[in-house]
C-alpha atoms as a PDB file:
ATOM      1  CA  MET A   1     114.624 117.363  99.476  1.00  0.00           C
ATOM      2  CA  PRO A   2     118.258 117.843  98.552  1.00  0.00           C
ATOM      3  CA  ALA A   3     120.528 119.208 101.374  1.00  0.00           C
ATOM      4  CA  ALA A   4     121.642 122.815 100.983  1.00  0.00           C
ATOM      5  CA  ARG A   5     124.836 123.456  99.119  1.00  0.00           C
ATOM      6  CA  GLY A   6     127.923 123.369 101.275  1.00  0.00           C
ATOM      7  CA  LYS A   7     125.661 122.800 104.442  1.00  0.00           C
ATOM      8  CA  GLY A   8     127.547 120.327 106.896  1.00  0.00           C
ATOM      9  CA  LEU A   9     130.875 120.152 105.075  1.00  0.00           C
ATOM     10  CA  ILE A  10     132.696 122.793 107.361  1.00  0.00           C
ATOM     11  CA  SER A  11     132.183 120.605 110.290  1.00  0.00           C
ATOM     12  CA  TRP A  12     134.290 117.762 108.416  1.00  0.00           C
ATOM     13  CA  THR A  13     137.119 120.253 107.406  1.00  0.00           C
ATOM     14  CA  PHE A  14     138.851 120.744 110.677  1.00  0.00           C
ATOM     15  CA  PRO A  15     139.201 116.926 111.922  1.00  0.00           C
ATOM     16  CA  ILE A  16     140.465 116.129 108.536  1.00  0.00           C
ATOM     17  CA  ALA A  17     142.876 119.002 108.175  1.00  0.00           C
ATOM     18  CA  ALA A  18     144.283 117.715 111.395  1.00  0.00           C
ATOM     19  CA  PHE A  19     144.667 114.309 109.839  1.00  0.00           C
ATOM     20  CA  THR A  20     148.044 114.902 108.205  1.00  0.00           C
ATOM     21  CA  LEU A  21     150.370 112.279 109.132  1.00  0.00           C
ATOM     22  CA  PRO A  22     153.878 113.348 110.251  1.00  0.00           C
ATOM     23  CA  GLY A  23     156.279 112.478 107.497  1.00  0.00           C
ATOM     24  CA  SER A  24     153.687 111.878 105.147  1.00  0.00           C
ATOM     25  CA  PRO A  25     154.174 113.586 101.432  1.00  0.00           C
ATOM     26  CA  PHE A  26     150.368 113.826 101.130  1.00  0.00           C
ATOM     27  CA  SER A  27     148.497 117.032 102.270  1.00  0.00           C
ATOM     28  CA  PRO A  28     144.612 117.015 102.242  1.00  0.00           C
ATOM     29  CA  ILE A  29     144.631 120.762 101.843  1.00  0.00           C
ATOM     30  CA  PRO A  30     144.073 120.768  97.910  1.00  0.00           C
ATOM     31  CA  LEU A  31     141.430 117.918  98.212  1.00  0.00           C
ATOM     32  CA  LEU A  32     139.515 120.075 100.903  1.00  0.00           C
ATOM     33  CA  THR A  33     139.874 123.244  98.966  1.00  0.00           C
ATOM     34  CA  TRP A  34     138.539 121.291  95.804  1.00  0.00           C
ATOM     35  CA  GLY A  35     135.662 119.775  97.697  1.00  0.00           C
ATOM     36  CA  MET A  36     134.612 122.995  99.306  1.00  0.00           C
ATOM     37  CA  ALA A  37     134.831 125.114  96.239  1.00  0.00           C
ATOM     38  CA  ILE A  38     132.779 122.776  94.072  1.00  0.00           C
ATOM     39  CA  THR A  39     130.153 122.380  96.841  1.00  0.00           C
ATOM     40  CA  THR A  40     129.986 126.149  97.583  1.00  0.00           C
ATOM     41  CA  TYR A  41     130.422 127.691  94.370  1.00  0.00           C
ATOM     42  CA  SER A  42     128.282 125.879  91.488  1.00  0.00           C
ATOM     43  CA  PHE A  43     130.132 128.064  88.888  1.00  0.00           C
ATOM     44  CA  PHE A  44     133.599 126.523  89.981  1.00  0.00           C
ATOM     45  CA  GLY A  45     132.010 123.091  90.021  1.00  0.00           C
ATOM     46  CA  LYS A  46     130.628 123.558  86.567  1.00  0.00           C
ATOM     47  CA  VAL A  47     133.976 124.792  85.206  1.00  0.00           C
ATOM     48  CA  ALA A  48     135.801 121.734  86.733  1.00  0.00           C
ATOM     49  CA  GLU A  49     132.914 119.371  85.349  1.00  0.00           C
ATOM     50  CA  ILE A  50     133.437 120.757  81.851  1.00  0.00           C
ATOM     51  CA  VAL A  51     137.369 120.537  82.147  1.00  0.00           C
ATOM     52  CA  GLY A  52     137.006 117.002  83.455  1.00  0.00           C
ATOM     53  CA  ARG A  53     134.797 115.944  80.450  1.00  0.00           C
ATOM     54  CA  LEU A  54     136.685 117.658  77.710  1.00  0.00           C
ATOM     55  CA  THR A  55     140.045 116.197  79.121  1.00  0.00           C
ATOM     56  CA  ALA A  56     138.898 112.747  79.941  1.00  0.00           C
ATOM     57  CA  LEU A  57     139.955 111.278  76.379  1.00  0.00           C
ATOM     58  CA  GLN A  58     142.780 113.406  75.286  1.00  0.00           C
ATOM     59  CA  GLU A  59     144.527 114.722  78.633  1.00  0.00           C
ATOM     60  CA  ASP A  60     144.191 118.376  77.360  1.00  0.00           C
ATOM     61  CA  CYS A  61     141.536 120.642  75.589  1.00  0.00           C
ATOM     62  CA  ALA A  62     141.408 124.245  74.365  1.00  0.00           C
ATOM     63  CA  SER A  63     140.275 126.889  76.835  1.00  0.00           C
ATOM     64  CA  ALA A  64     138.122 128.370  74.205  1.00  0.00           C
ATOM     65  CA  GLU A  65     135.972 125.185  74.239  1.00  0.00           C
ATOM     66  CA  VAL A  66     135.525 125.546  78.058  1.00  0.00           C
ATOM     67  CA  HIS A  67     134.392 129.188  77.452  1.00  0.00           C
ATOM     68  CA  ARG A  68     132.127 128.260  74.824  1.00  0.00           C
ATOM     69  CA  ARG A  69     130.333 125.541  76.929  1.00  0.00           C
ATOM     70  CA  MET A  70     130.171 128.125  79.868  1.00  0.00           C
ATOM     71  CA  ALA A  71     128.675 130.584  77.460  1.00  0.00           C
ATOM     72  CA  GLU A  72     126.031 127.895  76.443  1.00  0.00           C
ATOM     73  CA  ILE A  73     125.046 127.432  80.110  1.00  0.00           C
ATOM     74  CA  TYR A  74     125.358 131.095  81.446  1.00  0.00           C
ATOM     75  CA  GLY A  75     124.999 133.160  78.494  1.00  0.00           C
ATOM     76  CA  GLU A  76     127.495 134.869  76.184  1.00  0.00           C
ATOM     77  CA  ARG A  77     128.788 137.699  78.597  1.00  0.00           C
ATOM     78  CA  GLU A  78     131.796 139.314  79.416  1.00  0.00           C
ATOM     79  CA  GLY A  79     131.172 138.458  83.130  1.00  0.00           C
ATOM     80  CA  THR A  80     130.972 134.796  82.259  1.00  0.00           C
ATOM     81  CA  ARG A  81     134.192 134.782  80.094  1.00  0.00           C
ATOM     82  CA  ARG A  82     136.105 136.699  83.123  1.00  0.00           C
ATOM     83  CA  MET A  83     134.790 134.422  85.782  1.00  0.00           C
ATOM     84  CA  THR A  84     135.500 131.106  83.633  1.00  0.00           C
ATOM     85  CA  ASN A  85     139.244 132.651  83.405  1.00  0.00           C
ATOM     86  CA  MET A  86     139.457 133.116  87.053  1.00  0.00           C
ATOM     87  CA  VAL A  87     138.382 129.677  87.933  1.00  0.00           C
ATOM     88  CA  LEU A  88     140.697 128.210  85.380  1.00  0.00           C
ATOM     89  CA  GLN A  89     143.694 130.262  86.964  1.00  0.00           C
ATOM     90  CA  SER A  90     142.418 128.953  90.384  1.00  0.00           C
ATOM     91  CA  GLN A  91     142.578 125.615  89.232  1.00  0.00           C
ATOM     92  CA  ALA A  92     145.903 125.858  87.674  1.00  0.00           C
ATOM     93  CA  SER A  93     147.286 127.547  91.050  1.00  0.00           C
ATOM     94  CA  CYS A  94     146.030 124.591  93.060  1.00  0.00           C
ATOM     95  CA  GLY A  95     147.830 122.339  90.819  1.00  0.00           C
ATOM     96  CA  THR A  96     144.788 120.441  89.361  1.00  0.00           C
ATOM     97  CA  LEU A  97     145.564 121.396  85.824  1.00  0.00           C
ATOM     98  CA  GLU A  98     148.210 123.061  83.706  1.00  0.00           C
ATOM     99  CA  ARG A  99     147.799 126.095  81.339  1.00  0.00           C
ATOM    100  CA  THR A 100     149.880 125.822  78.237  1.00  0.00           C
ATOM    101  CA  MET A 101     150.397 127.977  74.987  1.00  0.00           C
ATOM    102  CA  ASN A 102     149.864 131.335  77.011  1.00  0.00           C
ATOM    103  CA  GLY A 103     146.643 129.774  78.592  1.00  0.00           C
ATOM    104  CA  LYS A 104     145.032 128.574  75.277  1.00  0.00           C
ATOM    105  CA  ARG A 105     145.310 124.929  76.022  1.00  0.00           C
ATOM    106  CA  LEU A 106     144.371 123.162  79.379  1.00  0.00           C
ATOM    107  CA  ALA A 107     146.221 119.920  80.417  1.00  0.00           C
ATOM    108  CA  ARG A 108     145.614 117.549  83.303  1.00  0.00           C
ATOM    109  CA  VAL A 109     148.388 117.063  85.706  1.00  0.00           C
ATOM    110  CA  PRO A 110     148.940 113.414  87.202  1.00  0.00           C
ATOM    111  CA  LYS A 111     146.144 112.633  89.657  1.00  0.00           C
ATOM    112  CA  THR A 112     146.399 112.936  93.365  1.00  0.00           C
ATOM    113  CA  LYS A 113     146.020 109.542  94.874  1.00  0.00           C
ATOM    114  CA  VAL A 114     143.597 109.459  97.823  1.00  0.00           C
ATOM    115  CA  SER A 115     143.661 106.405 100.005  1.00  0.00           C
ATOM    116  CA  GLU A 116     142.503 107.523 103.281  1.00  0.00           C
ATOM    117  CA  PRO A 117     139.018 106.389 103.967  1.00  0.00           C
ATOM    118  CA  LYS A 118     137.680 109.637 105.458  1.00  0.00           C
ATOM    119  CA  LEU A 119     139.126 111.718 102.829  1.00  0.00           C
ATOM    120  CA  ILE A 120     137.402 109.431 100.064  1.00  0.00           C
ATOM    121  CA  ALA A 121     134.051 109.690 101.820  1.00  0.00           C
ATOM    122  CA  TRP A 122     134.449 113.449 102.380  1.00  0.00           C
ATOM    123  CA  LEU A 123     135.229 113.980  98.782  1.00  0.00           C
ATOM    124  CA  VAL A 124     132.351 111.767  97.556  1.00  0.00           C
ATOM    125  CA  GLU A 125     130.037 113.812 100.123  1.00  0.00           C
ATOM    126  CA  ALA A 126     131.261 116.956  98.371  1.00  0.00           C
ATOM    127  CA  CYS A 127     130.440 115.490  94.883  1.00  0.00           C
ATOM    128  CA  ILE A 128     126.987 114.653  95.908  1.00  0.00           C
ATOM    129  CA  ARG A 129     126.304 117.996  97.446  1.00  0.00           C
ATOM    130  CA  TYR A 130     127.480 119.599  94.299  1.00  0.00           C
ATOM    131  CA  SER A 131     125.578 117.378  91.938  1.00  0.00           C
ATOM    132  CA  GLU A 132     122.515 117.589  94.393  1.00  0.00           C
ATOM    133  CA  ARG A 133     121.525 113.995  93.646  1.00  0.00           C
ATOM    134  CA  PRO A 134     122.862 110.538  94.481  1.00  0.00           C
ATOM    135  CA  ILE A 135     125.871 109.349  92.306  1.00  0.00           C
ATOM    136  CA  SER A 136     126.377 105.913  91.046  1.00  0.00           C
ATOM    137  CA  VAL A 137     129.279 104.217  92.973  1.00  0.00           C
ATOM    138  CA  ALA A 138     130.698 102.428  89.772  1.00  0.00           C
ATOM    139  CA  THR A 139     131.061 105.547  87.928  1.00  0.00           C
ATOM    140  CA  LEU A 140     132.613 107.587  90.835  1.00  0.00           C
ATOM    141  CA  ALA A 141     136.193 107.218  89.675  1.00  0.00           C
ATOM    142  CA  SER A 142     135.221 108.449  86.110  1.00  0.00           C
ATOM    143  CA  ASN A 143     133.058 111.271  87.190  1.00  0.00           C
ATOM    144  CA  PRO A 144     134.183 114.372  85.463  1.00  0.00           C
ATOM    145  CA  ILE A 145     134.137 116.582  88.751  1.00  0.00           C
ATOM    146  CA  MET A 146     136.663 114.145  90.429  1.00  0.00           C
ATOM    147  CA  PHE A 147     139.323 114.507  87.508  1.00  0.00           C
ATOM    148  CA  PRO A 148     142.199 115.606  89.694  1.00  0.00           C
ATOM    149  CA  PHE A 149     141.967 112.865  92.210  1.00  0.00           C
ATOM    150  CA  GLU A 150     142.354 108.843  92.013  1.00  0.00           C
ATOM    151  CA  MET A 151     140.516 106.915  94.826  1.00  0.00           C
ATOM    152  CA  ASN A 152     142.422 103.660  95.403  1.00  0.00           C
ATOM    153  CA  GLY A 153     139.809 101.008  95.407  1.00  0.00           C
ATOM    154  CA  MET A 154     138.617 101.618  98.826  1.00  0.00           C
ATOM    155  CA  VAL A 155     135.411 103.520  97.983  1.00  0.00           C
ATOM    156  CA  LEU A 156     132.841 100.979  99.285  1.00  0.00           C
ATOM    157  CA  TYR A 157     134.806 100.522 102.511  1.00  0.00           C
ATOM    158  CA  ALA A 158     135.194 104.462 102.797  1.00  0.00           C
ATOM    159  CA  LEU A 159     131.523 105.124 102.222  1.00  0.00           C
ATOM    160  CA  SER A 160     130.560 102.173 104.844  1.00  0.00           C
ATOM    161  CA  THR A 161     132.668 104.036 107.573  1.00  0.00           C
ATOM    162  CA  SER A 162     130.946 107.337 106.822  1.00  0.00           C
ATOM    163  CA  SER A 163     128.439 109.067 108.968  1.00  0.00           C
ATOM    164  CA  ALA A 164     127.283 111.450 106.348  1.00  0.00           C
ATOM    165  CA  VAL A 165     127.209 109.114 103.110  1.00  0.00           C
ATOM    166  CA  GLY A 166     125.481 105.971 102.787  1.00  0.00           C
ATOM    167  CA  VAL A 167     125.094 103.483  99.906  1.00  0.00           C
ATOM    168  CA  ARG A 168     122.011 101.932  98.640  1.00  0.00           C
ATOM    169  CA  ALA A 169     121.063  99.388  95.850  1.00  0.00           C
ATOM    170  CA  THR A 170     118.837 100.793  93.080  1.00  0.00           C
ATOM    171  CA  GLY A 171     117.962  97.563  91.480  1.00  0.00           C
ATOM    172  CA  GLY A 172     120.157  95.011  89.813  1.00  0.00           C
ATOM    173  CA  ARG A 173     123.721  95.468  90.587  1.00  0.00           C
ATOM    174  CA  ASP A 174     123.792  99.168  90.623  1.00  0.00           C
ATOM    175  CA  GLU A 175     124.556 100.946  93.955  1.00  0.00           C
ATOM    176  CA  VAL A 176     124.476 104.695  94.578  1.00  0.00           C
ATOM    177  CA  ALA A 177     126.102 106.962  97.168  1.00  0.00           C
ATOM    178  CA  HIS A 178     123.727 109.384  98.706  1.00  0.00           C
ATOM    179  CA  LEU A 179     123.555 111.714 101.737  1.00  0.00           C
ATOM    180  CA  ARG A 180     122.083 109.902 104.775  1.00  0.00           C
ATOM    181  CA  ASN A 181     119.926 112.758 105.712  1.00  0.00           C
ATOM    182  CA  ASP A 182     118.407 112.743 102.122  1.00  0.00           C
ATOM    183  CA  VAL A 183     117.110 109.016 102.324  1.00  0.00           C
END
């Protein structure tokens, strides 16, 4: 049975927020905000996933395409359109994407590099909670929901040190990241 959406993430937030190194230009606040938003608000996560998919090849996409895909999922309603716009504006305000041509185009901004193992494990945990299923370790870096972040090659090490996320083989060479309490 999958863990409840957002359950358990709050206990991680405060120790990681205190982790900011003096003199370090990196702040984990955008990463924490992203992880909590995708985990707690499935609508935010779905918009992020769609933007990640659409911008994966060309680095930008039309906002109308995001609206069309959200309408396919949630129905053609004014509320869906308004909420999608609000989520896109929130993502732009967080610095994860840029709105151009009066908001008609969405462009990726340079990815935030994440190298701290605790932050990598926390972000992977948030993605697993969003998707409500284990995620292949091999595809974590290209997962559409992770589009604003780049994990610097330490994913397996980060997951091995996590008390919340585990890695198991599923046959062959494929390994999946899963919540430890879901085994």
